[in-house]
Structure formats: C-alpha cells, structure tokens
Amino acid sequence: MSRVPAEPSWSPDVPVLTDGVVTLRAHRSTDVGRIVEMATDPQMIRWTRVPTPYARGDAEQFALADIPRGWDEGTAMGWAIDHGDRYVGNVDIRGAGAIADIGFALHPDARGLGVMQHSVRLAVDHAFGVGKRVVRWQAAAGNLASLRVAHACGFTLDAVVRDGVEIRGTICDTWVGSLRADDPLTPKTTWCASTFETERFRLRPLLESDDERIRETLDDPVSRKYLFGRPVPLTLEHAAAERQRKWWTAARGETCTWVVADLATDTYLGDITLLGIDEVTGAEAGFYTHPDARGSGVLAEAFPAVVDHAFGVMGMRRLTMFAAASNGGSKSLAQSAGFREFGTQELAASSAGVFEDLIGFELLCD
C-alpha cells in the first residue's frame, strides 16, 4: 500500500485569497489532525458522503494528494480555510469547464461565525475571475447550514430535486442552486426567520426537534378535517418533509413560518405561516394548532402578534385568510384579528372529504 508523503510531492500554484476575515490557502500536513476531527463530526457524517470510518490516512490522501492533483490537472480548485490562525475547513470548486460545482465543509468549532460565507465568496470570485461562468450548489434537503450559506452568498435557489442524492444507503431529495458570474454575491431573496415574544408565547422559526409535535398536529382528526392530500398514516418522515419544505420556501422569500412555542419550555404548540409572499398581493395566513393546545387561547394571542409583525416589521401592505364555511374557529379568529370578509369561492374547500364553500378574509395595513 503506497504512503502519502508528508507534503505533496509536487507544488501546484495555489493562489492565496483573503478578505481580512478568512484566508484561503494550500493544505498542509499540519491540517491533517483537524481534518480528521471535522470528517468524524456527526453533522459531517449525516449530511455528506465523507468516508466512514475516517482515519488519518484518509485525511492525508485528501489534503496532500487529491487536492494538489486537482490543481495540477486543472479539474478542481481546493483550499484550506484559515480563521483565527488555524485551519477551520475546506472549500473547493470542481469542474474543468465553464460550469463548476462548489463544495464546502467547516470544523465544528468554527460554525456559527459566518466563516463559510466569507470563504465561499472568495472562492467563487476567484473562479469567475479565471473563466468560470456558472457555479452550482447542491445539498441534501434538510441541510440548513448549507442552505444558509448558499442564500447569503447570492445563489439562486433553483429547485428541489426528488431523490437527488444517496448518503450511506439513504436516498434523499436535494436542494439545488446556481450562481452566475455577473450575479452579486448577496442574497437574492428576503429570508424572514425572526423571533419575537408575546405575554405567554415565543414565536420562532421551525426546528428539527419540533418534528414529532408537527406529526401529532397534522395527523390529528380535527386537523385532517380541513387538510386534504395528507398521507395516512402521517409519519415522522412526512413531518420532517413539511419542515424542510417550509425552510426552503422561506429561503426563497415565498413564505415565513413561526412556531408558537411555550415561553418557559419552548414546546411546539402550533405554527403560523404567511404563504405566497408578494409585494403587491401581500400574503395569505395559515395556521395549525397542536391538539393539546386547543382551547388555551394560543392563536388568539399569537395570531394578532404575527399580523402586527407582518405589517410593522416586514412592511407588508395586505394579508388574506381563507376558511371553509364550516370552520367556525378560523372564521372567528379572522374576525377578531380585524379581517373583513370579502368573498366566497363556491365549493372550493374540502372538509372531511365533503366539498363546501371557501370564505375569503382580508386586512390592509392601514
């Protein structure tokens, strides 16, 4: 079995890139230990196809042979990321032609610092400077950290590809985006992920830990009466897909969802979503309540707070709401929040499989 040299046996010309916050440079033998730590982190194992188990020899092969070979052959440009005078991750641009793919990974002790956004901007700016025209990004659906980086760096969030990647025997959907050479490296959409509080509740973004409570909410008979097209039975995987869909559409600027959580325990009690966000037509409000939270005034307190936030903080000019004719609770909530009835769509709702009228409500910011 061949041994990887302590340093590359050839010295490709790796440009050093820096913005004063991070520095992209060639990999060194001193990076190997931290590469192993990064590659064996549970989040890396979960979201990437990094080999597992992963040993020092794997890191040496990657950093001291594979990466230099990509530079030497013109098939990939890979950098180590330095931050705070230490190695914290990798970013690479793969592909010999005008269209390339980007990959990136961060050591767990550098996450949450904005390091990868700086690194990706440096890497793609260099790639465009040497002739690349399009850089493509993809991640397994649910990889929120990767989605945040792509959004912040100006990638157009193009599509969700069904069954787009296999990770350790599991086939996953993929999130796909692209960046063109003439695109600004800033977000293309407004991703609303705010947190605020009422007297009893915290309104916050969805978390993975909410999935079981989401499943219980959507699978409840009262919820099912007004929701059609839901799987039976509704599993934890279906609930996770619902959360991931709301993350994706929020990143695209199309929706915004707040969990209504208990102020003391942060337990999911329901959620409120603004759908179809548009600067002209406004947005449509929708909501769910967990069965054990019904009758406790959760929506009566939280929904008006969301309405105020939409108008006062998000700058919306119009909100709409729709309720089946038999859904007295939703109609009462709309009226108590100041919405006015503006029309009826005949037989446009399905309640427990029976078609009935759909009542429209609207509220303007003034």
Protein backbone atom coordinates (compact mmCIF):
# COMPACT_ATOMS: atom_id res chain seq x y z
CA MET A 1 0.00 0.00 0.00
CA SER A 2 1.50 3.36 -1.03
CA ARG A 3 2.14 6.02 1.59
CA VAL A 4 1.06 9.61 1.15
CA PRO A 5 4.03 11.97 1.51
CA ALA A 6 4.18 14.36 4.48
CA GLU A 7 3.78 17.16 1.96
CA PRO A 8 2.65 17.00 -1.70
CA SER A 9 5.33 15.54 -3.97
CA TRP A 10 4.60 18.39 -6.39
CA SER A 11 3.79 22.01 -5.69
CA PRO A 12 0.79 23.31 -7.67
CA ASP A 13 0.39 27.06 -7.73
CA VAL A 14 -2.41 27.61 -5.21
CA PRO A 15 -3.45 31.27 -5.01
CA VAL A 16 -3.78 32.67 -1.50
CA LEU A 17 -7.06 34.58 -1.11
CA THR A 18 -8.06 36.70 1.87
CA ASP A 19 -10.67 39.28 2.82
CA GLY A 20 -9.18 40.11 6.22
CA VAL A 21 -11.54 37.70 7.99
CA VAL A 22 -10.57 34.37 6.42
CA THR A 23 -7.66 33.21 4.29
CA LEU A 24 -7.85 30.50 1.65
CA ARG A 25 -4.54 28.69 1.11
CA ALA A 26 -2.97 25.38 0.14
CA HIS A 27 -3.42 22.46 2.51
CA ARG A 28 -0.54 21.49 4.82
CA SER A 29 0.38 18.38 6.76
CA THR A 30 -0.40 20.28 9.96
CA ASP A 31 -4.07 20.41 8.89
CA VAL A 32 -4.48 16.64 8.95
CA GLY A 33 -5.48 16.25 12.60
CA ARG A 34 -8.24 18.83 12.37
CA ILE A 35 -9.43 17.38 9.04
CA VAL A 36 -9.96 14.08 10.85
CA GLU A 37 -11.89 15.86 13.63
CA MET A 38 -14.08 17.58 11.04
CA ALA A 39 -14.69 14.44 8.97
CA THR A 40 -15.73 12.39 12.01
CA ASP A 41 -18.15 15.04 13.32
CA PRO A 42 -21.76 13.72 13.38
CA GLN A 43 -23.06 16.56 11.18
CA MET A 44 -20.44 15.83 8.51
CA ILE A 45 -21.32 12.15 8.57
CA ARG A 46 -25.02 12.94 8.40
CA TRP A 47 -25.00 15.40 5.50
CA THR A 48 -22.04 14.36 3.31
CA ARG A 49 -20.60 11.25 1.72
CA VAL A 50 -17.31 11.53 3.60
CA PRO A 51 -15.91 8.01 4.15
CA THR A 52 -16.72 6.43 7.49
CA PRO A 53 -14.81 5.31 9.41
CA TYR A 54 -12.34 8.08 8.60
CA ALA A 55 -8.70 7.83 9.66
CA ARG A 56 -5.55 9.93 9.42
CA GLY A 57 -4.57 8.21 6.18
CA ASP A 58 -7.83 9.34 4.57
CA ALA A 59 -7.11 12.94 5.55
CA GLU A 60 -3.56 12.74 4.20
CA GLN A 61 -4.81 11.31 0.91
CA PHE A 62 -7.41 14.09 0.60
CA ALA A 63 -5.25 17.06 1.63
CA LEU A 64 -1.81 16.06 0.33
CA ALA A 65 -2.65 14.09 -2.81
CA ASP A 66 -6.21 14.57 -4.10
CA ILE A 67 -6.42 18.35 -3.66
CA PRO A 68 -2.98 19.06 -5.21
CA ARG A 69 -3.80 16.72 -8.10
CA GLY A 70 -6.96 18.70 -8.85
CA TRP A 71 -4.93 21.90 -9.11
CA ASP A 72 -2.23 20.23 -11.18
CA GLU A 73 -4.67 18.69 -13.67
CA GLY A 74 -6.99 21.70 -13.83
CA THR A 75 -10.03 19.71 -12.69
CA ALA A 76 -10.59 21.29 -9.28
CA MET A 77 -9.52 24.22 -7.12
CA GLY A 78 -9.43 23.34 -3.43
CA TRP A 79 -8.41 25.50 -0.50
CA ALA A 80 -7.91 25.11 3.21
CA ILE A 81 -9.68 27.82 5.21
CA ASP A 82 -7.73 29.70 7.89
CA HIS A 83 -9.53 31.70 10.55
CA GLY A 84 -8.02 32.92 13.79
CA ASP A 85 -4.62 31.49 12.79
CA ARG A 86 -5.87 27.91 12.49
CA TYR A 87 -7.33 25.53 9.91
CA VAL A 88 -11.14 25.51 10.10
CA GLY A 89 -12.37 23.83 6.90
CA ASN A 90 -12.31 23.39 3.13
CA VAL A 91 -13.90 24.99 0.09
CA ASP A 92 -13.46 23.68 -3.43
CA ILE A 93 -14.63 24.47 -6.95
CA ARG A 94 -14.87 21.31 -9.08
CA GLY A 95 -15.00 21.04 -12.86
CA ALA A 96 -12.71 21.82 -15.77
CA GLY A 97 -15.21 23.69 -17.93
CA ALA A 98 -17.18 26.92 -17.67
CA ILE A 99 -19.73 25.29 -15.34
CA ALA A 100 -18.41 24.15 -11.97
CA ASP A 101 -19.72 22.76 -8.67
CA ILE A 102 -18.91 24.04 -5.20
CA GLY A 103 -18.39 22.06 -2.04
CA PHE A 104 -17.54 23.22 1.46
CA ALA A 105 -17.14 21.87 4.97
CA LEU A 106 -16.44 23.53 8.32
CA HIS A 107 -14.85 22.26 11.51
CA PRO A 108 -17.48 22.18 14.31
CA ASP A 109 -15.64 24.71 16.46
CA ALA A 110 -15.88 27.35 13.69
CA ARG A 111 -19.59 27.06 12.97
CA GLY A 112 -21.93 29.97 13.56
CA LEU A 113 -19.27 32.62 12.95
CA GLY A 114 -20.03 33.43 9.30
CA VAL A 115 -16.71 31.90 8.24
CA MET A 116 -18.10 29.90 5.34
CA GLN A 117 -19.91 32.84 3.78
CA HIS A 118 -16.60 34.71 3.56
CA SER A 119 -14.84 31.62 2.20
CA VAL A 120 -17.43 30.86 -0.48
CA ARG A 121 -17.43 34.46 -1.72
CA LEU A 122 -13.63 34.41 -2.06
CA ALA A 123 -13.65 31.06 -3.86
CA VAL A 124 -16.41 31.85 -6.37
CA ASP A 125 -15.00 35.32 -7.05
CA HIS A 126 -11.67 33.71 -7.95
CA ALA A 127 -13.41 31.05 -10.05
CA PHE A 128 -15.24 33.68 -12.08
CA GLY A 129 -12.00 35.61 -12.46
CA VAL A 130 -10.32 32.62 -14.14
CA GLY A 131 -13.16 31.96 -16.56
CA LYS A 132 -15.91 30.02 -14.81
CA ARG A 133 -19.36 31.23 -15.85
CA VAL A 134 -21.68 29.30 -13.52
CA VAL A 135 -21.09 27.73 -10.11
CA ARG A 136 -23.66 25.18 -8.96
CA TRP A 137 -24.51 24.28 -5.35
CA GLN A 138 -26.39 21.30 -4.03
CA ALA A 139 -27.10 19.87 -0.60
CA ALA A 140 -29.25 17.14 0.84
CA ALA A 141 -32.67 18.58 1.71
CA GLY A 142 -32.63 19.48 5.39
CA ASN A 143 -29.02 20.68 5.48
CA LEU A 144 -29.98 24.06 6.88
CA ALA A 145 -26.41 25.27 7.45
CA SER A 146 -25.53 24.75 3.79
CA LEU A 147 -28.75 26.43 2.68
CA ARG A 148 -27.95 29.48 4.82
CA VAL A 149 -24.52 29.81 3.18
CA ALA A 150 -25.91 29.47 -0.36
CA HIS A 151 -28.63 32.03 0.34
CA ALA A 152 -26.24 34.52 1.95
CA CYS A 153 -23.76 34.25 -0.96
CA GLY A 154 -26.34 35.09 -3.63
CA PHE A 155 -27.09 31.68 -5.12
CA THR A 156 -30.43 31.43 -6.89
CA LEU A 157 -32.31 28.66 -5.10
CA ASP A 158 -33.47 26.88 -8.20
CA ALA A 159 -35.23 23.66 -7.27
CA VAL A 160 -35.81 20.69 -5.03
CA VAL A 161 -34.76 17.55 -6.90
CA ARG A 162 -36.57 14.43 -5.78
CA ASP A 163 -34.27 11.52 -4.85
CA GLY A 164 -31.24 13.51 -5.92
CA VAL A 165 -28.51 12.00 -3.73
CA GLU A 166 -27.71 8.83 -1.83
CA ILE A 167 -25.98 9.18 1.54
CA ARG A 168 -24.99 5.96 3.30
CA GLY A 169 -27.71 3.93 1.69
CA THR A 170 -30.46 6.51 2.15
CA ILE A 171 -31.84 8.29 -0.91
CA CYS A 172 -32.55 11.96 -0.18
CA ASP A 173 -34.05 14.90 -2.01
CA THR A 174 -31.57 17.62 -2.87
CA TRP A 175 -31.69 21.40 -2.76
CA VAL A 176 -30.08 22.89 -5.88
CA GLY A 177 -28.90 26.42 -6.61
CA SER A 178 -26.72 28.32 -9.05
CA LEU A 179 -24.61 31.46 -9.22
CA ARG A 180 -23.66 33.24 -12.44
CA ALA A 181 -20.52 35.27 -13.00
CA ASP A 182 -22.46 38.54 -13.17
CA ASP A 183 -24.56 37.87 -10.06
CA PRO A 184 -23.92 39.93 -6.91
CA LEU A 185 -22.68 37.81 -4.01
CA THR A 186 -25.54 38.94 -1.77
CA PRO A 187 -28.94 37.38 -1.02
CA LYS A 188 -31.45 37.43 -3.87
CA THR A 189 -34.43 36.97 -1.59
CA THR A 190 -35.56 38.10 1.85
CA TRP A 191 -35.48 35.15 4.22
CA CYS A 192 -37.63 36.02 7.19
CA ALA A 193 -36.55 33.98 10.22
CA SER A 194 -37.43 36.35 13.05
CA THR A 195 -38.12 35.57 16.71
CA PHE A 196 -40.35 37.65 18.98
CA GLU A 197 -42.50 37.12 22.05
CA THR A 198 -45.98 37.77 23.38
CA GLU A 199 -47.03 37.60 27.01
CA ARG A 200 -47.17 33.79 27.03
CA PHE A 201 -45.54 32.60 23.84
CA ARG A 202 -42.35 32.71 21.80
CA LEU A 203 -42.73 32.92 18.04
CA ARG A 204 -39.64 31.44 16.37
CA PRO A 205 -38.51 29.50 13.27
CA LEU A 206 -39.13 25.77 12.94
CA LEU A 207 -36.60 23.40 14.49
CA GLU A 208 -35.89 19.75 13.75
CA SER A 209 -36.88 18.98 17.35
CA ASP A 210 -40.44 20.09 16.50
CA ASP A 211 -40.99 17.19 14.08
CA GLU A 212 -42.86 14.85 16.43
CA ARG A 213 -45.22 17.63 17.55
CA ILE A 214 -45.76 18.60 13.90
CA ARG A 215 -46.62 14.98 13.12
CA GLU A 216 -49.12 14.84 16.00
CA THR A 217 -50.70 18.10 14.84
CA LEU A 218 -51.11 17.15 11.18
CA ASP A 219 -52.27 13.61 11.95
CA ASP A 220 -54.96 14.76 14.39
CA PRO A 221 -58.57 14.15 13.20
CA VAL A 222 -59.55 17.80 13.67
CA SER A 223 -56.63 18.93 11.50
CA ARG A 224 -57.34 16.26 8.92
CA LYS A 225 -60.90 17.50 8.51
CA TYR A 226 -59.61 20.62 6.77
CA LEU A 227 -56.39 19.22 5.26
CA PHE A 228 -56.62 17.04 2.19
CA GLY A 229 -53.94 15.14 0.34
CA ARG A 230 -52.06 14.22 3.53
CA PRO A 231 -50.55 10.70 3.80
CA VAL A 232 -52.27 8.15 6.02
CA PRO A 233 -50.70 7.39 8.38
CA LEU A 234 -48.64 10.56 8.63
CA THR A 235 -45.13 9.59 9.76
CA LEU A 236 -42.23 11.42 11.33
CA GLU A 237 -40.58 11.47 7.89
CA HIS A 238 -43.63 13.28 6.47
CA ALA A 239 -43.41 15.85 9.28
CA ALA A 240 -39.71 16.36 8.55
CA ALA A 241 -40.52 16.89 4.88
CA GLU A 242 -43.09 19.52 5.86
CA ARG A 243 -40.47 21.36 7.93
CA GLN A 244 -37.87 21.13 5.18
CA ARG A 245 -40.36 22.46 2.62
CA LYS A 246 -41.07 25.46 4.85
CA TRP A 247 -37.34 26.11 5.32
CA TRP A 248 -36.80 26.02 1.55
CA THR A 249 -39.74 28.27 0.65
CA ALA A 250 -38.75 30.70 3.41
CA ALA A 251 -35.22 30.91 1.98
CA ARG A 252 -36.74 31.63 -1.44
CA GLY A 253 -38.73 34.50 0.09
CA GLU A 254 -42.06 32.83 -0.63
CA THR A 255 -43.22 32.01 2.89
CA CYS A 256 -42.48 32.69 6.54
CA THR A 257 -43.40 30.29 9.35
CA TRP A 258 -43.34 30.87 13.08
CA VAL A 259 -43.70 28.16 15.68
CA VAL A 260 -45.90 29.25 18.55
CA ALA A 261 -43.88 27.87 21.47
CA ASP A 262 -44.40 27.89 25.21
CA LEU A 263 -42.34 30.74 26.65
CA ALA A 264 -40.97 28.62 29.51
CA THR A 265 -40.36 25.25 27.82
CA ASP A 266 -40.12 26.21 24.11
CA THR A 267 -42.55 23.36 23.35
CA TYR A 268 -44.24 23.50 19.93
CA LEU A 269 -47.92 24.42 20.36
CA GLY A 270 -48.71 25.18 16.73
CA ASP A 271 -47.43 27.25 13.84
CA ILE A 272 -48.49 30.23 11.76
CA THR A 273 -47.38 30.65 8.15
CA LEU A 274 -47.53 33.51 5.67
CA LEU A 275 -47.83 31.98 2.20
CA GLY A 276 -47.26 33.37 -1.28
CA ILE A 277 -45.45 36.49 -0.07
CA ASP A 278 -45.65 39.16 -2.76
CA GLU A 279 -45.03 42.91 -2.63
CA VAL A 280 -48.32 43.58 -4.45
CA THR A 281 -50.80 40.99 -3.21
CA GLY A 282 -49.27 40.61 0.26
CA ALA A 283 -49.52 37.13 1.78
CA GLU A 284 -52.03 34.52 2.85
CA ALA A 285 -52.09 33.46 6.51
CA GLY A 286 -52.50 29.85 7.56
CA PHE A 287 -52.07 28.03 10.88
CA TYR A 288 -52.15 24.74 12.77
CA THR A 289 -52.66 24.09 16.48
CA HIS A 290 -51.42 21.03 18.35
CA PRO A 291 -54.34 19.06 19.82
CA ASP A 292 -53.23 19.55 23.43
CA ALA A 293 -53.02 23.33 22.93
CA ARG A 294 -56.53 23.86 21.64
CA GLY A 295 -58.86 25.89 23.82
CA SER A 296 -55.97 27.65 25.59
CA GLY A 297 -56.01 30.81 23.50
CA VAL A 298 -52.77 30.06 21.65
CA LEU A 299 -53.87 31.52 18.31
CA ALA A 300 -55.99 34.26 19.90
CA GLU A 301 -52.80 35.70 21.38
CA ALA A 302 -50.22 34.71 18.76
CA PHE A 303 -52.07 35.42 15.52
CA PRO A 304 -52.65 39.16 16.12
CA ALA A 305 -48.96 39.42 17.08
CA VAL A 306 -47.97 37.87 13.73
CA VAL A 307 -50.30 40.28 11.92
CA ASP A 308 -48.67 43.23 13.70
CA HIS A 309 -45.20 41.85 12.88
CA ALA A 310 -46.10 41.37 9.22
CA PHE A 311 -47.27 44.96 8.86
CA GLY A 312 -44.91 46.73 11.25
CA VAL A 313 -41.64 44.82 10.78
CA MET A 314 -41.91 43.05 7.42
CA GLY A 315 -43.59 46.01 5.71
CA MET A 316 -46.49 44.10 4.19
CA ARG A 317 -49.47 46.01 2.90
CA ARG A 318 -52.14 43.28 2.73
CA LEU A 319 -52.96 39.92 4.33
CA THR A 320 -55.60 37.41 3.32
CA MET A 321 -57.06 34.37 5.03
CA PHE A 322 -59.36 31.60 3.83
CA ALA A 323 -61.59 29.29 5.84
CA ALA A 324 -64.05 26.55 4.99
CA ALA A 325 -67.64 27.62 5.69
CA SER A 326 -67.91 25.06 8.49
CA ASN A 327 -64.64 26.12 10.16
CA GLY A 328 -66.08 28.39 12.82
CA GLY A 329 -62.82 28.68 14.74
CA SER A 330 -60.85 30.03 11.79
CA LYS A 331 -63.60 32.44 10.80
CA SER A 332 -63.86 33.75 14.36
CA LEU A 333 -60.06 34.17 14.56
CA ALA A 334 -60.03 36.18 11.33
CA GLN A 335 -62.78 38.48 12.53
CA SER A 336 -61.23 39.00 15.98
CA ALA A 337 -57.93 39.98 14.30
CA GLY A 338 -59.71 42.67 12.28
CA PHE A 339 -60.03 40.87 8.94
CA ARG A 340 -63.13 41.54 6.86
CA GLU A 341 -64.95 39.03 4.71
CA PHE A 342 -64.52 39.84 1.03
CA GLY A 343 -65.94 36.93 -0.92
CA THR A 344 -66.91 33.29 -1.27
CA GLN A 345 -65.50 30.66 -3.59
CA GLU A 346 -68.25 28.11 -4.06
CA LEU A 347 -67.35 24.51 -3.23
CA ALA A 348 -63.61 25.35 -3.15
CA ALA A 349 -62.91 23.69 0.21
CA SER A 350 -62.82 20.03 1.19
CA SER A 351 -63.80 19.21 4.78
CA ALA A 352 -63.60 15.55 5.75
CA GLY A 353 -63.94 14.75 2.04
CA VAL A 354 -67.05 16.90 1.54
CA PHE A 355 -66.85 19.96 -0.72
CA GLU A 356 -68.06 23.22 0.75
CA ASP A 357 -67.67 26.94 0.22
CA LEU A 358 -64.41 28.74 0.99
CA ILE A 359 -64.73 32.12 2.70
CA GLY A 360 -62.12 34.83 1.99
CA PHE A 361 -60.97 37.46 4.51
CA GLU A 362 -58.55 40.35 4.07
CA LEU A 363 -56.83 43.04 6.13
CA LEU A 364 -54.90 46.07 4.85
CA CYS A 365 -52.03 47.64 6.74
CA ASP A 366 -53.91 50.93 7.18
